[in-house]
PDB file of N, CA and C in Angstrom:
ATOM      1  N   MET A   1     -89.451 -17.732  42.828  1.00  0.00           N
ATOM      2  CA  MET A   1     -90.474 -18.424  43.593  1.00  0.00           C
ATOM      3  C   MET A   1     -90.050 -19.870  43.811  1.00  0.00           C
ATOM      4  N   ASN A   2     -90.418 -20.379  44.943  1.00  0.00           N
ATOM      5  CA  ASN A   2     -90.077 -21.745  45.301  1.00  0.00           C
ATOM      6  C   ASN A   2     -91.317 -22.607  45.182  1.00  0.00           C
ATOM      7  N   ASN A   3     -91.253 -23.678  44.388  1.00  0.00           N
ATOM      8  CA  ASN A   3     -92.423 -24.532  44.164  1.00  0.00           C
ATOM      9  C   ASN A   3     -92.505 -25.687  45.143  1.00  0.00           C
ATOM     10  N   ARG A   4     -91.527 -25.801  46.033  1.00  0.00           N
ATOM     11  CA  ARG A   4     -91.563 -26.911  46.977  1.00  0.00           C
ATOM     12  C   ARG A   4     -92.593 -26.636  48.064  1.00  0.00           C
ATOM     13  N   PRO A   5     -93.273 -27.688  48.529  1.00  0.00           N
ATOM     14  CA  PRO A   5     -94.207 -27.479  49.640  1.00  0.00           C
ATOM     15  C   PRO A   5     -93.430 -27.140  50.912  1.00  0.00           C
ATOM     16  N   ARG A   6     -94.054 -26.332  51.759  1.00  0.00           N
ATOM     17  CA  ARG A   6     -93.363 -25.893  52.971  1.00  0.00           C
ATOM     18  C   ARG A   6     -93.203 -27.027  53.966  1.00  0.00           C
ATOM     19  N   ASN A   7     -94.186 -27.894  54.104  1.00  0.00           N
ATOM     20  CA  ASN A   7     -94.128 -29.008  55.047  1.00  0.00           C
ATOM     21  C   ASN A   7     -94.357 -30.313  54.294  1.00  0.00           C
ATOM     22  N   PRO A   8     -93.304 -30.858  53.658  1.00  0.00           N
ATOM     23  CA  PRO A   8     -93.510 -32.091  52.904  1.00  0.00           C
ATOM     24  C   PRO A   8     -93.751 -33.272  53.849  1.00  0.00           C
ATOM     25  N   THR A   9     -94.669 -34.123  53.439  1.00  0.00           N
ATOM     26  CA  THR A   9     -94.963 -35.316  54.229  1.00  0.00           C
ATOM     27  C   THR A   9     -93.929 -36.385  53.888  1.00  0.00           C
ATOM     28  N   PRO A  10     -93.820 -37.408  54.728  1.00  0.00           N
ATOM     29  CA  PRO A  10     -92.885 -38.500  54.393  1.00  0.00           C
ATOM     30  C   PRO A  10     -93.208 -39.121  53.036  1.00  0.00           C
ATOM     31  N   ARG A  11     -94.491 -39.187  52.675  1.00  0.00           N
ATOM     32  CA  ARG A  11     -94.877 -39.737  51.371  1.00  0.00           C
ATOM     33  C   ARG A  11     -94.343 -38.851  50.243  1.00  0.00           C
ATOM     34  N   ASP A  12     -94.434 -37.539  50.419  1.00  0.00           N
ATOM     35  CA  ASP A  12     -93.903 -36.609  49.413  1.00  0.00           C
ATOM     36  C   ASP A  12     -92.403 -36.805  49.235  1.00  0.00           C
ATOM     37  N   ARG A  13     -91.698 -36.959  50.351  1.00  0.00           N
ATOM     38  CA  ARG A  13     -90.256 -37.166  50.269  1.00  0.00           C
ATOM     39  C   ARG A  13     -89.940 -38.464  49.534  1.00  0.00           C
ATOM     40  N   GLN A  14     -90.703 -39.515  49.848  1.00  0.00           N
ATOM     41  CA  GLN A  14     -90.459 -40.817  49.218  1.00  0.00           C
ATOM     42  C   GLN A  14     -90.695 -40.727  47.713  1.00  0.00           C
ATOM     43  N   VAL A  15     -91.774 -40.086  47.326  1.00  0.00           N
ATOM     44  CA  VAL A  15     -92.072 -39.946  45.894  1.00  0.00           C
ATOM     45  C   VAL A  15     -90.965 -39.146  45.202  1.00  0.00           C
ATOM     46  N   ALA A  16     -90.508 -38.081  45.842  1.00  0.00           N
ATOM     47  CA  ALA A  16     -89.451 -37.253  45.243  1.00  0.00           C
ATOM     48  C   ALA A  16     -88.153 -38.044  45.129  1.00  0.00           C
ATOM     49  N   GLU A  17     -87.800 -38.805  46.180  1.00  0.00           N
ATOM     50  CA  GLU A  17     -86.564 -39.585  46.132  1.00  0.00           C
ATOM     51  C   GLU A  17     -86.631 -40.670  45.063  1.00  0.00           C
ATOM     52  N   GLU A  18     -87.798 -41.320  44.938  1.00  0.00           N
ATOM     53  CA  GLU A  18     -87.945 -42.344  43.902  1.00  0.00           C
ATOM     54  C   GLU A  18     -87.849 -41.726  42.515  1.00  0.00           C
ATOM     55  N   ALA A  19     -88.443 -40.549  42.348  1.00  0.00           N
ATOM     56  CA  ALA A  19     -88.391 -39.885  41.046  1.00  0.00           C
ATOM     57  C   ALA A  19     -86.957 -39.502  40.700  1.00  0.00           C
ATOM     58  N   MET A  20     -86.221 -38.994  41.687  1.00  0.00           N
ATOM     59  CA  MET A  20     -84.839 -38.600  41.416  1.00  0.00           C
ATOM     60  C   MET A  20     -83.978 -39.821  41.117  1.00  0.00           C
ATOM     61  N   SER A  21     -84.124 -40.891  41.886  1.00  0.00           N
ATOM     62  CA  SER A  21     -83.301 -42.071  41.639  1.00  0.00           C
ATOM     63  C   SER A  21     -83.674 -42.714  40.305  1.00  0.00           C
ATOM     64  N   HIS A  22     -84.953 -42.682  39.951  1.00  0.00           N
ATOM     65  CA  HIS A  22     -85.384 -43.229  38.667  1.00  0.00           C
ATOM     66  C   HIS A  22     -84.799 -42.393  37.527  1.00  0.00           C
ATOM     67  N   GLU A  23     -84.807 -41.084  37.694  1.00  0.00           N
ATOM     68  CA  GLU A  23     -84.263 -40.199  36.662  1.00  0.00           C
ATOM     69  C   GLU A  23     -82.770 -40.423  36.507  1.00  0.00           C
ATOM     70  N   GLU A  24     -82.053 -40.563  37.612  1.00  0.00           N
ATOM     71  CA  GLU A  24     -80.618 -40.791  37.537  1.00  0.00           C
ATOM     72  C   GLU A  24     -80.310 -42.163  36.954  1.00  0.00           C
ATOM     73  N   ALA A  25     -81.138 -43.149  37.270  1.00  0.00           N
ATOM     74  CA  ALA A  25     -80.900 -44.497  36.772  1.00  0.00           C
ATOM     75  C   ALA A  25     -81.083 -44.568  35.260  1.00  0.00           C
ATOM     76  N   ASN A  26     -81.991 -43.765  34.710  1.00  0.00           N
ATOM     77  CA  ASN A  26     -82.256 -43.807  33.273  1.00  0.00           C
ATOM     78  C   ASN A  26     -81.498 -42.737  32.509  1.00  0.00           C
ATOM     79  N   PHE A  27     -80.648 -41.997  33.184  1.00  0.00           N
ATOM     80  CA  PHE A  27     -79.949 -40.897  32.521  1.00  0.00           C
ATOM     81  C   PHE A  27     -79.146 -41.351  31.309  1.00  0.00           C
ATOM     82  N   PRO A  28     -78.383 -42.464  31.390  1.00  0.00           N
ATOM     83  CA  PRO A  28     -77.604 -42.855  30.207  1.00  0.00           C
ATOM     84  C   PRO A  28     -78.459 -43.255  29.010  1.00  0.00           C
ATOM     85  N   GLU A  29     -79.765 -43.508  29.218  1.00  0.00           N
ATOM     86  CA  GLU A  29     -80.610 -43.910  28.096  1.00  0.00           C
ATOM     87  C   GLU A  29     -81.110 -42.718  27.295  1.00  0.00           C
ATOM     88  N   THR A  30     -80.981 -41.513  27.826  1.00  0.00           N
ATOM     89  CA  THR A  30     -81.415 -40.334  27.084  1.00  0.00           C
ATOM     90  C   THR A  30     -80.328 -39.962  26.083  1.00  0.00           C
ATOM     91  N   PRO A  31     -80.684 -39.289  24.991  1.00  0.00           N
ATOM     92  CA  PRO A  31     -79.651 -38.901  24.007  1.00  0.00           C
ATOM     93  C   PRO A  31     -78.535 -38.056  24.616  1.00  0.00           C
ATOM     94  N   THR A  32     -78.914 -37.107  25.469  1.00  0.00           N
ATOM     95  CA  THR A  32     -77.891 -36.283  26.124  1.00  0.00           C
ATOM     96  C   THR A  32     -77.032 -37.140  27.037  1.00  0.00           C
ATOM     97  N   GLY A  33     -77.668 -38.054  27.764  1.00  0.00           N
ATOM     98  CA  GLY A  33     -76.936 -38.930  28.671  1.00  0.00           C
ATOM     99  C   GLY A  33     -75.969 -39.825  27.926  1.00  0.00           C
ATOM    100  N   VAL A  34     -76.409 -40.370  26.796  1.00  0.00           N
ATOM    101  CA  VAL A  34     -75.529 -41.241  26.004  1.00  0.00           C
ATOM    102  C   VAL A  34     -74.319 -40.456  25.521  1.00  0.00           C
ATOM    103  N   LYS A  35     -74.560 -39.233  25.067  1.00  0.00           N
ATOM    104  CA  LYS A  35     -73.465 -38.396  24.572  1.00  0.00           C
ATOM    105  C   LYS A  35     -72.483 -38.075  25.699  1.00  0.00           C
ATOM    106  N   LEU A  36     -73.002 -37.713  26.870  1.00  0.00           N
ATOM    107  CA  LEU A  36     -72.126 -37.371  27.982  1.00  0.00           C
ATOM    108  C   LEU A  36     -71.360 -38.585  28.489  1.00  0.00           C
ATOM    109  N   VAL A  37     -72.022 -39.733  28.524  1.00  0.00           N
ATOM    110  CA  VAL A  37     -71.333 -40.949  28.968  1.00  0.00           C
ATOM    111  C   VAL A  37     -70.212 -41.289  27.997  1.00  0.00           C
ATOM    112  N   ARG A  38     -70.477 -41.168  26.704  1.00  0.00           N
ATOM    113  CA  ARG A  38     -69.446 -41.450  25.704  1.00  0.00           C
ATOM    114  C   ARG A  38     -68.277 -40.479  25.848  1.00  0.00           C
ATOM    115  N   GLN A  39     -68.587 -39.187  26.041  1.00  0.00           N
ATOM    116  CA  GLN A  39     -67.519 -38.199  26.209  1.00  0.00           C
ATOM    117  C   GLN A  39     -66.710 -38.483  27.469  1.00  0.00           C
ATOM    118  N   ALA A  40     -67.390 -38.872  28.545  1.00  0.00           N
ATOM    119  CA  ALA A  40     -66.685 -39.186  29.792  1.00  0.00           C
ATOM    120  C   ALA A  40     -65.778 -40.396  29.607  1.00  0.00           C
ATOM    121  N   GLN A  41     -66.236 -41.382  28.845  1.00  0.00           N
ATOM    122  CA  GLN A  41     -65.400 -42.557  28.598  1.00  0.00           C
ATOM    123  C   GLN A  41     -64.181 -42.200  27.766  1.00  0.00           C
ATOM    124  N   ILE A  42     -64.368 -41.348  26.769  1.00  0.00           N
ATOM    125  CA  ILE A  42     -63.240 -40.939  25.921  1.00  0.00           C
ATOM    126  C   ILE A  42     -62.231 -40.151  26.746  1.00  0.00           C
ATOM    127  N   ILE A  43     -62.720 -39.201  27.539  1.00  0.00           N
ATOM    128  CA  ILE A  43     -61.823 -38.393  28.375  1.00  0.00           C
ATOM    129  C   ILE A  43     -61.114 -39.289  29.382  1.00  0.00           C
ATOM    130  N   GLY A  44     -61.850 -40.206  29.981  1.00  0.00           N
ATOM    131  CA  GLY A  44     -61.243 -41.134  30.932  1.00  0.00           C
ATOM    132  C   GLY A  44     -60.175 -41.992  30.283  1.00  0.00           C
ATOM    133  N   GLY A  45     -60.426 -42.430  29.061  1.00  0.00           N
ATOM    134  CA  GLY A  45     -59.433 -43.226  28.342  1.00  0.00           C
ATOM    135  C   GLY A  45     -58.169 -42.439  28.062  1.00  0.00           C
ATOM    136  N   PHE A  46     -58.333 -41.180  27.647  1.00  0.00           N
ATOM    137  CA  PHE A  46     -57.155 -40.349  27.398  1.00  0.00           C
ATOM    138  C   PHE A  46     -56.374 -40.102  28.678  1.00  0.00           C
ATOM    139  N   LEU A  47     -57.084 -39.827  29.770  1.00  0.00           N
ATOM    140  CA  LEU A  47     -56.392 -39.593  31.034  1.00  0.00           C
ATOM    141  C   LEU A  47     -55.653 -40.850  31.493  1.00  0.00           C
ATOM    142  N   LEU A  48     -56.288 -42.004  31.284  1.00  0.00           N
ATOM    143  CA  LEU A  48     -55.633 -43.261  31.651  1.00  0.00           C
ATOM    144  C   LEU A  48     -54.392 -43.488  30.789  1.00  0.00           C
ATOM    145  N   LEU A  49     -54.496 -43.188  29.505  1.00  0.00           N
ATOM    146  CA  LEU A  49     -53.350 -43.341  28.604  1.00  0.00           C
ATOM    147  C   LEU A  49     -52.214 -42.404  29.005  1.00  0.00           C
ATOM    148  N   ILE A  50     -52.540 -41.155  29.291  1.00  0.00           N
ATOM    149  CA  ILE A  50     -51.517 -40.191  29.701  1.00  0.00           C
ATOM    150  C   ILE A  50     -50.877 -40.636  31.008  1.00  0.00           C
ATOM    151  N   GLY A  51     -51.701 -41.103  31.941  1.00  0.00           N
ATOM    152  CA  GLY A  51     -51.160 -41.591  33.213  1.00  0.00           C
ATOM    153  C   GLY A  51     -50.237 -42.784  33.017  1.00  0.00           C
ATOM    154  N   ALA A  52     -50.611 -43.697  32.120  1.00  0.00           N
ATOM    155  CA  ALA A  52     -49.772 -44.870  31.864  1.00  0.00           C
ATOM    156  C   ALA A  52     -48.438 -44.463  31.242  1.00  0.00           C
ATOM    157  N   VAL A  53     -48.470 -43.512  30.319  1.00  0.00           N
ATOM    158  CA  VAL A  53     -47.233 -43.049  29.691  1.00  0.00           C
ATOM    159  C   VAL A  53     -46.330 -42.376  30.723  1.00  0.00           C
ATOM    160  N   LEU A  54     -46.915 -41.527  31.560  1.00  0.00           N
ATOM    161  CA  LEU A  54     -46.112 -40.856  32.578  1.00  0.00           C
ATOM    162  C   LEU A  54     -45.534 -41.863  33.567  1.00  0.00           C
ATOM    163  N   PHE A  55     -46.323 -42.852  33.941  1.00  0.00           N
ATOM    164  CA  PHE A  55     -45.831 -43.881  34.857  1.00  0.00           C
ATOM    165  C   PHE A  55     -44.699 -44.671  34.205  1.00  0.00           C
ATOM    166  N   GLY A  56     -44.855 -44.991  32.928  1.00  0.00           N
ATOM    167  CA  GLY A  56     -43.796 -45.702  32.215  1.00  0.00           C
ATOM    168  C   GLY A  56     -42.515 -44.894  32.145  1.00  0.00           C
ATOM    169  N   LEU A  57     -42.637 -43.604  31.900  1.00  0.00           N
ATOM    170  CA  LEU A  57     -41.445 -42.746  31.871  1.00  0.00           C
ATOM    171  C   LEU A  57     -40.803 -42.660  33.250  1.00  0.00           C
ATOM    172  N   LEU A  58     -41.619 -42.615  34.277  1.00  0.00           N
ATOM    173  CA  LEU A  58     -41.090 -42.558  35.642  1.00  0.00           C
ATOM    174  C   LEU A  58     -40.327 -43.835  35.976  1.00  0.00           C
ATOM    175  N   VAL A  59     -40.906 -44.975  35.632  1.00  0.00           N
ATOM    176  CA  VAL A  59     -40.237 -46.250  35.899  1.00  0.00           C
ATOM    177  C   VAL A  59     -38.952 -46.359  35.080  1.00  0.00           C
ATOM    178  N   ALA A  60     -38.997 -45.915  33.837  1.00  0.00           N
ATOM    179  CA  ALA A  60     -37.820 -46.019  32.975  1.00  0.00           C
ATOM    180  C   ALA A  60     -36.700 -45.088  33.428  1.00  0.00           C
ATOM    181  N   SER A  61     -37.024 -44.042  34.171  1.00  0.00           N
ATOM    182  CA  SER A  61     -35.987 -43.098  34.588  1.00  0.00           C
ATOM    183  C   SER A  61     -35.182 -43.610  35.768  1.00  0.00           C
ATOM    184  N   PHE A  62     -35.678 -44.620  36.485  1.00  0.00           N
ATOM    185  CA  PHE A  62     -34.923 -45.162  37.609  1.00  0.00           C
ATOM    186  C   PHE A  62     -33.827 -46.082  37.102  1.00  0.00           C
ATOM    187  N   PRO A  63     -32.669 -46.064  37.748  1.00  0.00           N
ATOM    188  CA  PRO A  63     -31.591 -46.972  37.315  1.00  0.00           C
ATOM    189  C   PRO A  63     -31.962 -48.420  37.625  1.00  0.00           C
ATOM    190  N   THR A  64     -31.482 -49.321  36.804  1.00  0.00           N
ATOM    191  CA  THR A  64     -31.830 -50.736  36.973  1.00  0.00           C
ATOM    192  C   THR A  64     -30.949 -51.413  38.004  1.00  0.00           C
ATOM    193  N   GLY A  65     -29.877 -50.794  38.427  1.00  0.00           N
ATOM    194  CA  GLY A  65     -28.973 -51.414  39.383  1.00  0.00           C
ATOM    195  C   GLY A  65     -27.836 -52.126  38.688  1.00  0.00           C
ATOM    196  N   GLU A  66     -27.936 -52.311  37.398  1.00  0.00           N
ATOM    197  CA  GLU A  66     -26.868 -52.973  36.638  1.00  0.00           C
ATOM    198  C   GLU A  66     -26.135 -51.914  35.828  1.00  0.00           C
ATOM    199  N   GLU A  67     -25.266 -51.227  36.518  1.00  0.00           N
ATOM    200  CA  GLU A  67     -24.524 -50.169  35.837  1.00  0.00           C
ATOM    201  C   GLU A  67     -23.430 -50.802  34.984  1.00  0.00           C
ATOM    202  N   PRO A  68     -23.178 -50.287  33.812  1.00  0.00           N
ATOM    203  CA  PRO A  68     -22.081 -50.851  33.002  1.00  0.00           C
ATOM    204  C   PRO A  68     -20.750 -50.600  33.701  1.00  0.00           C
ATOM    205  N   PRO A  69     -19.853 -51.557  33.632  1.00  0.00           N
ATOM    206  CA  PRO A  69     -18.552 -51.373  34.306  1.00  0.00           C
ATOM    207  C   PRO A  69     -17.759 -50.257  33.649  1.00  0.00           C
ATOM    208  N   ALA A  70     -17.062 -49.527  34.480  1.00  0.00           N
ATOM    209  CA  ALA A  70     -16.227 -48.447  33.953  1.00  0.00           C
ATOM    210  C   ALA A  70     -15.050 -49.064  33.217  1.00  0.00           C
ATOM    211  N   ASN A  71     -14.478 -48.319  32.289  1.00  0.00           N
ATOM    212  CA  ASN A  71     -13.322 -48.831  31.562  1.00  0.00           C
ATOM    213  C   ASN A  71     -12.159 -48.974  32.532  1.00  0.00           C
ATOM    214  N   PRO A  72     -11.696 -50.194  32.745  1.00  0.00           N
ATOM    215  CA  PRO A  72     -10.590 -50.360  33.711  1.00  0.00           C
ATOM    216  C   PRO A  72      -9.288 -49.879  33.091  1.00  0.00           C
ATOM    217  N   ASP A  73      -8.456 -49.385  33.958  1.00  0.00           N
ATOM    218  CA  ASP A  73      -7.122 -48.987  33.491  1.00  0.00           C
ATOM    219  C   ASP A  73      -6.336 -50.240  33.146  1.00  0.00           C
ATOM    220  N   THR A  74      -5.839 -50.296  31.972  1.00  0.00           N
ATOM    221  CA  THR A  74      -5.070 -51.471  31.556  1.00  0.00           C
ATOM    222  C   THR A  74      -3.584 -51.129  31.638  1.00  0.00           C
ATOM    223  N   PRO A  75      -2.886 -51.714  32.583  1.00  0.00           N
ATOM    224  CA  PRO A  75      -1.468 -51.366  32.751  1.00  0.00           C
ATOM    225  C   PRO A  75      -0.585 -51.918  31.631  1.00  0.00           C
ATOM    226  N   ASN A  76      -1.048 -52.857  30.856  1.00  0.00           N
ATOM    227  CA  ASN A  76      -0.195 -53.436  29.818  1.00  0.00           C
ATOM    228  C   ASN A  76      -0.320 -52.698  28.488  1.00  0.00           C
ATOM    229  N   GLN A  77      -0.884 -51.463  28.526  1.00  0.00           N
ATOM    230  CA  GLN A  77      -0.905 -50.691  27.294  1.00  0.00           C
ATOM    231  C   GLN A  77       0.492 -50.154  27.037  1.00  0.00           C
ATOM    232  N   ILE A  78       0.803 -50.044  25.787  1.00  0.00           N
ATOM    233  CA  ILE A  78       2.123 -49.513  25.427  1.00  0.00           C
ATOM    234  C   ILE A  78       2.057 -48.000  25.508  1.00  0.00           C
ATOM    235  N   THR A  79       2.904 -47.438  26.326  1.00  0.00           N
ATOM    236  CA  THR A  79       2.913 -45.989  26.436  1.00  0.00           C
ATOM    237  C   THR A  79       4.167 -45.467  25.744  1.00  0.00           C
ATOM    238  N   PRO A  80       4.051 -44.439  24.995  1.00  0.00           N
ATOM    239  CA  PRO A  80       5.225 -43.924  24.258  1.00  0.00           C
ATOM    240  C   PRO A  80       6.213 -43.221  25.137  1.00  0.00           C
TER     241      PRO A  80
END
């Protein structure tokens, strides 16, 4: 069964929208909301940490442009 009125008036819509926005605005103050916000922050922190580590590995994998010089052939070595 549907409890919504079939022809809501503009006043009904306004009251419903205010109630929904008020409920969403106070969501973090409820015990469930506090728990979910904390869990979201923890998950977000882990994802940010993982992203930072992956980005660091990606940056570290690129060559710096300063390649060590190859061992030059030294013609003055004594050859047997």
